[in-house]
Amino acid sequence: MIFYSLRVSTWLGERNGSINLYSLTSFFFVLFFLMATQDIAVDGWALTMLSEKNKGLASICNILGQNIGYCASQLSFLTLNNKKICFYLLKKYAKIMHLIFYKSEYYKMLNTNLDLIYPTFQPFVDMNVFLKFWGIFILLLTILTFFKKETSNNKEKENKKITEQEKEQNNKSQNISNVPKKEENEFRNAKETYKNLYELLFLPPMKIFIILFLINRLPFASVEVATNFKMLKKGITKEEFAIFNPFFIPISIISPAIIGKIIQNTNPLNVYYYGYILRYISNIVLSTLLPLTGYMYSNKTHISQIFFYIYYLYIFGAQIFNNMCIDLMTVSSMGFQNVISDPQIGGTYMTFLNTINNMGSHVIYKKIKERN
C-alpha cells in the first residue's frame, strides 16, 4: 500500500492521466487476497482464544472492528476527499480564527479572499495520502503484533497440552522412523480441512443454513439500496447526506457493544428472528423518506427552515434505526456461527459461513444497484 500509493492515484486518473483498469484490478486483487487471508487467521484466533461460554463475544468484536474500520476509513475518506466539504470546513476554520485573532492581517485576508482560491483548491486527502497513511498504520501494527507473545491463563488447556506433548515424545521415542515429515503433515491437515468443508455442505442443517443466508436479505435489498439513490433524484444533495456522517461514527461504534451486552446470555437465533422483524419495520420507515423528500424539495421555497431541520432529524433517526437492526442481525448471526464452528478448522469454518452470507447479499444488492 505504501509503495503503490502514488501509482494508484495515477491509475485512477487523479493526476490528469488515463485510468489504468488492468493495474487497478491486479493491485486490488492482491490486496483483497491478503486481507482475506488475514480475516481467516483472525476468525480462527478468536475461536481458540475465547472460552466455550464466551464464543458468542467474537461476533461483537468482529462487527465492532468492522464498524470502527468503516468509520475511520471510508466515511473519513469520503468526507475529506470531497472538494465542497473540505472548502466549507476551511471557510469555517478561517472565520473562527478571524474572530479569535481579529487583529491578525493573515486571517483577515484569508477570510475575505477564500472564494478566489476555490477553482484551484484541492481536497485535504486523495487516494495517495489515504493508502500511504493506512499502509504505515498496518505496518506498525504488524510489527507490534510480531513482538507480542501469547500467554495462556487456562490451566486446563495447559495441562492438556503438556499431556499431549508427553504422549508425542513417547511415540517418537518408540518409532521415530514412522513419523511423517512436517511438510507431509501440513499437506495432510490442509487436505483434511477441505474434505471436512466438502462434507459440511451435505449436512441437512447446513443445507437449510445456506439457503436461508443466500436469500435472507432479499426482502430488504430494494429499500436499503435504492432509497438513497432515489432521494438524490428527488432533490437532496450528497453534501446534505454527508452532514450525518460525523454523527454515525460514535453510534455505529457504541451500538454493537450495547447489542452484544443485551444478547450475551440469549439464544442467537431468537435474537436474529426479532432483528428480522425489526428490520422489516425499519424498512417501512425508510420507504416513507421518498415521498417526504419529493414533497420537501418540490415546495422548498414555501417551506420554513425549521421543517427542514425536522426532516433532517427524521432521516437521521430512520437511518440509525435501520443500522441498529442490521447490527442486531449481524451480531446474532455471527454469534451463532461462532458457537457451531469447529475450533480445529475455526478460521476456515467461519470464513465459509461468512462467504455464504456475503455471497447472497452481494448478488442481490449488485442487481438492484445496476437497475438504479
Protein backbone atom coordinates (compact mmCIF):
# COMPACT_ATOMS: atom_id res chain seq x y z
CA MET A 1 0.00 0.00 0.00
CA ILE A 2 2.85 2.39 0.83
CA PHE A 3 4.87 1.54 -2.28
CA TYR A 4 1.93 1.67 -4.73
CA SER A 5 0.05 4.61 -3.16
CA LEU A 6 1.37 7.15 -5.71
CA ARG A 7 0.84 4.74 -8.60
CA VAL A 8 -2.79 4.05 -7.60
CA SER A 9 -3.55 7.78 -7.78
CA THR A 10 -2.13 7.80 -11.31
CA TRP A 11 -4.04 4.65 -12.28
CA LEU A 12 -7.27 6.26 -11.03
CA GLY A 13 -6.67 9.27 -13.27
CA GLU A 14 -6.38 11.69 -10.33
CA ARG A 15 -3.28 13.30 -11.87
CA ASN A 16 -4.87 14.16 -15.23
CA GLY A 17 -3.95 10.79 -16.72
CA SER A 18 -5.99 7.95 -18.17
CA ILE A 19 -7.50 5.23 -15.97
CA ASN A 20 -5.44 2.02 -15.95
CA LEU A 21 -8.04 -0.66 -15.27
CA TYR A 22 -5.68 -3.66 -15.56
CA SER A 23 -3.21 -2.31 -13.00
CA LEU A 24 -6.03 -1.39 -10.60
CA THR A 25 -7.53 -4.88 -10.90
CA SER A 26 -4.18 -6.57 -10.25
CA PHE A 27 -3.36 -4.34 -7.27
CA PHE A 28 -6.71 -4.72 -5.52
CA PHE A 29 -6.83 -8.47 -6.24
CA VAL A 30 -3.57 -8.94 -4.32
CA LEU A 31 -4.72 -6.55 -1.58
CA PHE A 32 -8.06 -8.33 -1.09
CA PHE A 33 -6.35 -11.74 -1.19
CA LEU A 34 -4.04 -10.70 1.66
CA MET A 35 -6.93 -9.22 3.65
CA ALA A 36 -9.00 -12.40 3.19
CA THR A 37 -6.06 -14.49 4.43
CA GLN A 38 -5.74 -12.26 7.49
CA ASP A 39 -9.50 -12.49 8.07
CA ILE A 40 -9.33 -16.32 8.21
CA ALA A 41 -6.48 -16.14 10.72
CA VAL A 42 -8.31 -13.65 12.97
CA ASP A 43 -11.55 -15.68 12.93
CA GLY A 44 -9.66 -18.82 13.91
CA TRP A 45 -7.74 -16.91 16.57
CA ALA A 46 -10.98 -15.67 18.17
CA LEU A 47 -12.42 -19.20 18.36
CA THR A 48 -9.34 -20.66 20.03
CA MET A 49 -8.71 -17.66 22.29
CA LEU A 50 -12.20 -17.38 23.82
CA SER A 51 -13.65 -19.90 26.25
CA GLU A 52 -16.67 -22.04 25.32
CA LYS A 53 -19.19 -19.80 27.10
CA ASN A 54 -17.71 -16.61 25.58
CA LYS A 55 -17.52 -17.74 21.95
CA GLY A 56 -20.51 -15.55 21.11
CA LEU A 57 -18.47 -12.47 22.06
CA ALA A 58 -16.30 -12.99 18.97
CA SER A 59 -19.18 -11.68 16.84
CA ILE A 60 -19.28 -8.45 18.87
CA CYS A 61 -15.53 -7.95 18.40
CA ASN A 62 -15.92 -8.65 14.68
CA ILE A 63 -18.78 -6.24 13.96
CA LEU A 64 -17.27 -3.60 16.29
CA GLY A 65 -13.98 -3.78 14.40
CA GLN A 66 -15.76 -3.59 11.05
CA ASN A 67 -17.73 -0.50 12.10
CA ILE A 68 -14.66 1.24 13.50
CA GLY A 69 -12.75 0.46 10.30
CA TYR A 70 -15.63 1.67 8.13
CA CYS A 71 -15.95 4.93 10.05
CA ALA A 72 -12.21 5.56 10.31
CA SER A 73 -11.51 4.84 6.65
CA GLN A 74 -14.48 5.06 4.30
CA LEU A 75 -16.51 7.84 5.95
CA SER A 76 -13.43 9.93 6.72
CA PHE A 77 -12.07 9.47 3.19
CA LEU A 78 -15.38 10.34 1.50
CA THR A 79 -15.63 13.46 3.66
CA LEU A 80 -12.02 14.66 3.33
CA ASN A 81 -11.89 13.80 -0.40
CA ASN A 82 -14.93 15.96 -1.20
CA LYS A 83 -13.89 19.38 -2.51
CA LYS A 84 -17.05 21.19 -1.41
CA ILE A 85 -16.99 19.77 2.12
CA CYS A 86 -13.27 20.50 2.55
CA PHE A 87 -13.72 24.06 1.30
CA TYR A 88 -16.69 24.54 3.64
CA LEU A 89 -14.56 23.33 6.59
CA LEU A 90 -11.74 25.67 5.55
CA LYS A 91 -14.14 28.63 5.41
CA LYS A 92 -15.46 27.80 8.89
CA TYR A 93 -11.90 27.48 10.19
CA ALA A 94 -10.88 30.84 8.65
CA LYS A 95 -13.99 32.53 10.08
CA ILE A 96 -13.41 31.18 13.60
CA MET A 97 -9.70 32.06 13.55
CA HIS A 98 -10.53 35.56 12.32
CA LEU A 99 -12.94 36.02 15.25
CA ILE A 100 -10.30 34.81 17.73
CA PHE A 101 -7.34 36.66 16.17
CA TYR A 102 -9.26 39.64 14.81
CA LYS A 103 -6.10 41.77 14.75
CA SER A 104 -4.24 39.32 12.52
CA GLU A 105 -3.95 40.55 8.93
CA TYR A 106 -3.31 36.99 7.70
CA TYR A 107 -6.66 35.58 8.91
CA LYS A 108 -8.46 38.73 7.80
CA MET A 109 -7.07 38.37 4.27
CA LEU A 110 -7.74 34.60 4.27
CA ASN A 111 -11.34 35.09 5.37
CA THR A 112 -12.07 37.72 2.70
CA ASN A 113 -10.25 36.09 -0.25
CA LEU A 114 -11.17 32.42 0.18
CA ASP A 115 -13.61 32.38 -2.74
CA LEU A 116 -10.79 33.37 -5.10
CA ILE A 117 -8.82 30.19 -4.41
CA TYR A 118 -11.78 27.79 -4.87
CA PRO A 119 -11.05 26.97 -8.57
CA THR A 120 -7.54 25.71 -7.69
CA PHE A 121 -8.48 24.31 -4.27
CA GLN A 122 -7.83 20.57 -3.75
CA PRO A 123 -9.42 18.23 -1.15
CA PHE A 124 -7.45 17.56 2.03
CA VAL A 125 -6.96 13.85 1.26
CA ASP A 126 -6.52 11.95 -2.02
CA MET A 127 -6.05 8.22 -2.63
CA ASN A 128 -2.26 8.59 -2.42
CA VAL A 129 -2.33 10.03 1.11
CA PHE A 130 -5.10 7.63 2.17
CA LEU A 131 -3.26 4.45 1.11
CA LYS A 132 0.07 5.69 2.47
CA PHE A 133 -1.40 6.51 5.89
CA TRP A 134 -3.18 3.17 6.34
CA GLY A 135 -0.22 1.29 4.90
CA ILE A 136 2.04 2.77 7.60
CA PHE A 137 -0.63 2.07 10.24
CA ILE A 138 -0.94 -1.62 9.24
CA LEU A 139 2.86 -1.98 9.05
CA LEU A 140 3.34 -0.61 12.59
CA LEU A 141 0.52 -2.79 13.91
CA THR A 142 2.06 -5.86 12.28
CA ILE A 143 5.45 -5.10 13.85
CA LEU A 144 3.84 -4.72 17.29
CA THR A 145 1.91 -7.99 16.82
CA PHE A 146 5.12 -9.78 15.84
CA PHE A 147 6.68 -8.94 19.20
CA LYS A 148 3.53 -9.82 21.19
CA LYS A 149 3.76 -13.23 22.82
CA GLU A 150 0.56 -15.08 23.71
CA THR A 151 0.18 -16.38 27.25
CA SER A 152 -2.50 -18.87 28.26
CA ASN A 153 -4.28 -18.41 31.60
CA ASN A 154 -6.34 -21.56 31.19
CA LYS A 155 -4.62 -24.23 33.31
CA GLU A 156 -6.81 -26.99 31.92
CA LYS A 157 -5.63 -26.23 28.38
CA GLU A 158 -2.02 -26.05 29.53
CA ASN A 159 -2.23 -29.40 31.31
CA LYS A 160 -3.86 -30.96 28.25
CA LYS A 161 -1.11 -29.56 26.05
CA ILE A 162 1.61 -30.94 28.34
CA THR A 163 -0.05 -34.37 28.32
CA GLU A 164 -0.26 -34.36 24.53
CA GLN A 165 3.40 -33.33 24.26
CA GLU A 166 4.44 -36.18 26.58
CA LYS A 167 2.46 -38.67 24.52
CA GLU A 168 4.03 -37.32 21.35
CA GLN A 169 7.51 -37.67 22.83
CA ASN A 170 6.79 -41.26 23.82
CA ASN A 171 5.54 -42.08 20.33
CA LYS A 172 8.63 -40.50 18.78
CA SER A 173 10.97 -42.48 21.01
CA GLN A 174 9.13 -45.73 20.25
CA ASN A 175 9.01 -45.41 16.49
CA ILE A 176 10.88 -42.38 15.21
CA SER A 177 11.20 -43.74 11.69
CA ASN A 178 7.41 -43.79 11.14
CA VAL A 179 6.92 -40.11 11.92
CA PRO A 180 5.89 -38.24 8.75
CA LYS A 181 7.72 -35.12 7.70
CA LYS A 182 6.42 -31.67 8.65
CA GLU A 183 5.53 -30.81 5.05
CA GLU A 184 3.52 -34.02 4.75
CA ASN A 185 1.64 -33.21 7.98
CA GLU A 186 0.80 -29.71 6.75
CA PHE A 187 -0.39 -31.04 3.40
CA ARG A 188 -2.48 -33.71 5.12
CA ASN A 189 -4.02 -31.14 7.50
CA ALA A 190 -4.93 -28.83 4.61
CA LYS A 191 -6.39 -31.75 2.66
CA GLU A 192 -8.38 -32.85 5.72
CA THR A 193 -9.74 -29.31 6.17
CA TYR A 194 -11.09 -29.14 2.62
CA LYS A 195 -12.52 -32.64 3.00
CA ASN A 196 -14.36 -31.55 6.15
CA LEU A 197 -15.72 -28.47 4.37
CA TYR A 198 -16.95 -30.61 1.48
CA GLU A 199 -18.74 -32.96 3.89
CA LEU A 200 -20.15 -29.93 5.69
CA LEU A 201 -22.05 -28.86 2.55
CA PHE A 202 -24.16 -32.03 2.61
CA LEU A 203 -25.27 -31.89 6.25
CA PRO A 204 -29.10 -31.36 6.38
CA PRO A 205 -28.94 -28.39 8.84
CA MET A 206 -26.20 -26.78 6.73
CA LYS A 207 -28.34 -27.01 3.58
CA ILE A 208 -31.08 -25.04 5.37
CA PHE A 209 -28.48 -22.57 6.67
CA ILE A 210 -27.02 -21.98 3.19
CA ILE A 211 -30.43 -21.42 1.56
CA LEU A 212 -31.54 -19.10 4.38
CA PHE A 213 -28.42 -16.94 4.29
CA LEU A 214 -28.37 -16.74 0.50
CA ILE A 215 -31.84 -15.16 0.43
CA ASN A 216 -32.16 -13.57 3.90
CA ARG A 217 -31.54 -10.00 2.63
CA LEU A 218 -33.84 -10.25 -0.36
CA PRO A 219 -36.82 -8.54 1.38
CA PHE A 220 -34.69 -5.55 2.46
CA ALA A 221 -32.40 -5.01 -0.52
CA SER A 222 -34.69 -2.87 -2.69
CA VAL A 223 -35.42 -0.37 0.10
CA GLU A 224 -31.95 -0.18 1.67
CA VAL A 225 -30.05 0.10 -1.62
CA ALA A 226 -32.42 2.20 -3.70
CA THR A 227 -33.65 4.72 -1.10
CA ASN A 228 -30.55 6.95 -1.08
CA PHE A 229 -30.27 6.86 -4.90
CA LYS A 230 -33.93 7.81 -5.30
CA MET A 231 -33.64 10.57 -2.68
CA LEU A 232 -30.78 12.13 -4.67
CA LYS A 233 -33.04 12.18 -7.73
CA LYS A 234 -35.78 13.83 -5.63
CA GLY A 235 -33.53 16.79 -4.80
CA ILE A 236 -31.39 16.09 -1.75
CA THR A 237 -27.64 16.58 -2.31
CA LYS A 238 -24.63 14.42 -1.40
CA GLU A 239 -23.37 17.26 0.81
CA GLU A 240 -26.59 17.11 2.84
CA PHE A 241 -26.13 13.36 3.28
CA ALA A 242 -22.53 13.99 4.38
CA ILE A 243 -23.79 16.12 7.30
CA PHE A 244 -24.87 12.94 9.08
CA ASN A 245 -21.53 11.12 8.74
CA PRO A 246 -19.84 12.54 11.89
CA PHE A 247 -22.88 11.52 13.97
CA PHE A 248 -22.94 7.98 12.57
CA ILE A 249 -19.37 7.32 13.75
CA PRO A 250 -19.91 7.16 17.56
CA ILE A 251 -23.31 5.45 17.24
CA SER A 252 -22.02 2.72 14.90
CA ILE A 253 -19.20 2.02 17.37
CA ILE A 254 -21.35 2.01 20.51
CA SER A 255 -24.40 0.11 19.19
CA PRO A 256 -22.71 -3.32 18.62
CA ALA A 257 -21.29 -3.22 22.17
CA ILE A 258 -24.73 -2.44 23.63
CA ILE A 259 -26.43 -5.09 21.48
CA GLY A 260 -23.78 -7.65 22.43
CA LYS A 261 -24.27 -6.94 26.13
CA ILE A 262 -28.05 -7.37 25.82
CA ILE A 263 -27.95 -10.64 23.87
CA GLN A 264 -24.91 -12.17 25.60
CA ASN A 265 -26.85 -14.86 27.51
CA THR A 266 -29.62 -15.47 24.98
CA ASN A 267 -30.13 -17.80 22.04
CA PRO A 268 -28.54 -16.10 18.97
CA LEU A 269 -31.22 -17.40 16.57
CA ASN A 270 -34.04 -15.99 18.72
CA VAL A 271 -32.34 -12.59 18.61
CA TYR A 272 -31.89 -12.96 14.84
CA TYR A 273 -35.64 -13.63 14.49
CA TYR A 274 -36.59 -10.46 16.40
CA GLY A 275 -33.94 -8.49 14.49
CA TYR A 276 -35.53 -9.66 11.23
CA ILE A 277 -38.94 -8.33 12.29
CA LEU A 278 -37.47 -5.01 13.46
CA ARG A 279 -35.62 -4.66 10.17
CA TYR A 280 -38.91 -5.03 8.31
CA ILE A 281 -40.31 -2.16 10.39
CA SER A 282 -37.19 -0.05 9.76
CA ASN A 283 -37.62 -0.61 6.01
CA ILE A 284 -41.21 0.66 6.22
CA VAL A 285 -39.87 3.80 7.94
CA LEU A 286 -37.15 4.20 5.27
CA SER A 287 -39.72 3.87 2.46
CA THR A 288 -41.55 6.96 3.77
CA LEU A 289 -38.45 9.07 3.04
CA LEU A 290 -39.04 9.08 -0.74
CA PRO A 291 -42.47 10.77 -0.84
CA LEU A 292 -41.40 13.06 2.01
CA THR A 293 -38.22 14.12 0.16
CA GLY A 294 -40.19 14.70 -3.04
CA TYR A 295 -42.67 16.92 -1.20
CA MET A 296 -40.00 18.88 0.72
CA TYR A 297 -37.87 19.71 -2.33
CA SER A 298 -40.74 20.40 -4.72
CA ASN A 299 -42.03 23.00 -2.23
CA LYS A 300 -38.64 24.15 -0.96
CA THR A 301 -39.32 27.87 -1.39
CA HIS A 302 -42.60 27.68 0.56
CA ILE A 303 -41.44 25.54 3.50
CA SER A 304 -39.94 27.05 6.64
CA GLN A 305 -36.34 26.18 7.56
CA ILE A 306 -37.48 24.65 10.86
CA PHE A 307 -39.36 21.94 8.95
CA PHE A 308 -36.18 21.11 7.03
CA TYR A 309 -34.36 20.61 10.35
CA ILE A 310 -37.14 18.25 11.46
CA TYR A 311 -36.88 16.47 8.10
CA TYR A 312 -33.09 16.01 8.52
CA LEU A 313 -33.66 14.70 12.05
CA TYR A 314 -36.21 12.21 10.69
CA ILE A 315 -33.71 10.97 8.06
CA PHE A 316 -31.06 10.59 10.75
CA GLY A 317 -33.42 8.67 13.06
CA ALA A 318 -34.59 6.35 10.26
CA GLN A 319 -31.01 5.57 9.20
CA ILE A 320 -29.88 4.94 12.79
CA PHE A 321 -32.85 2.63 13.43
CA ASN A 322 -32.07 0.67 10.27
CA ASN A 323 -28.35 0.43 11.07
CA MET A 324 -29.08 -0.85 14.59
CA CYS A 325 -31.38 -3.53 13.16
CA ILE A 326 -28.63 -4.57 10.73
CA ASP A 327 -26.13 -4.72 13.61
CA LEU A 328 -28.59 -6.79 15.66
CA MET A 329 -28.94 -9.35 12.86
CA THR A 330 -25.21 -9.38 12.10
CA VAL A 331 -24.10 -9.82 15.73
CA SER A 332 -26.63 -12.60 16.36
CA SER A 333 -25.88 -14.49 13.12
CA MET A 334 -22.12 -14.29 13.67
CA GLY A 335 -22.61 -15.33 17.30
CA PHE A 336 -24.46 -18.43 16.09
CA GLN A 337 -21.68 -19.15 13.57
CA ASN A 338 -19.05 -18.89 16.32
CA VAL A 339 -20.96 -21.33 18.52
CA ILE A 340 -21.36 -24.00 15.82
CA SER A 341 -17.88 -23.64 14.29
CA ASP A 342 -15.35 -26.41 14.84
CA PRO A 343 -12.28 -24.90 16.60
CA GLN A 344 -9.98 -27.33 14.74
CA ILE A 345 -10.74 -25.57 11.46
CA GLY A 346 -12.27 -22.47 13.04
CA GLY A 347 -10.94 -19.82 10.67
CA THR A 348 -11.84 -21.78 7.55
CA TYR A 349 -15.24 -22.73 9.00
CA MET A 350 -16.11 -19.12 9.88
CA THR A 351 -14.90 -17.80 6.54
CA PHE A 352 -17.01 -20.37 4.70
CA LEU A 353 -20.15 -19.36 6.62
CA ASN A 354 -19.45 -15.64 6.13
CA THR A 355 -18.82 -16.21 2.41
CA ILE A 356 -22.27 -17.79 2.05
CA ASN A 357 -23.83 -14.81 3.83
CA ASN A 358 -21.89 -12.21 1.82
CA MET A 359 -22.48 -14.00 -1.48
CA GLY A 360 -26.24 -13.73 -1.16
CA SER A 361 -26.19 -10.04 -0.23
CA HIS A 362 -23.58 -9.16 -2.88
CA VAL A 363 -25.54 -10.70 -5.76
CA ILE A 364 -28.88 -9.23 -4.65
CA TYR A 365 -27.57 -5.73 -3.87
CA LYS A 366 -25.49 -5.59 -7.06
CA LYS A 367 -28.51 -6.37 -9.26
CA ILE A 368 -30.58 -3.65 -7.58
CA LYS A 369 -27.75 -1.08 -7.92
CA GLU A 370 -27.49 -1.87 -11.64
CA ARG A 371 -31.20 -1.14 -12.06
CA ASN A 372 -30.87 2.21 -10.30
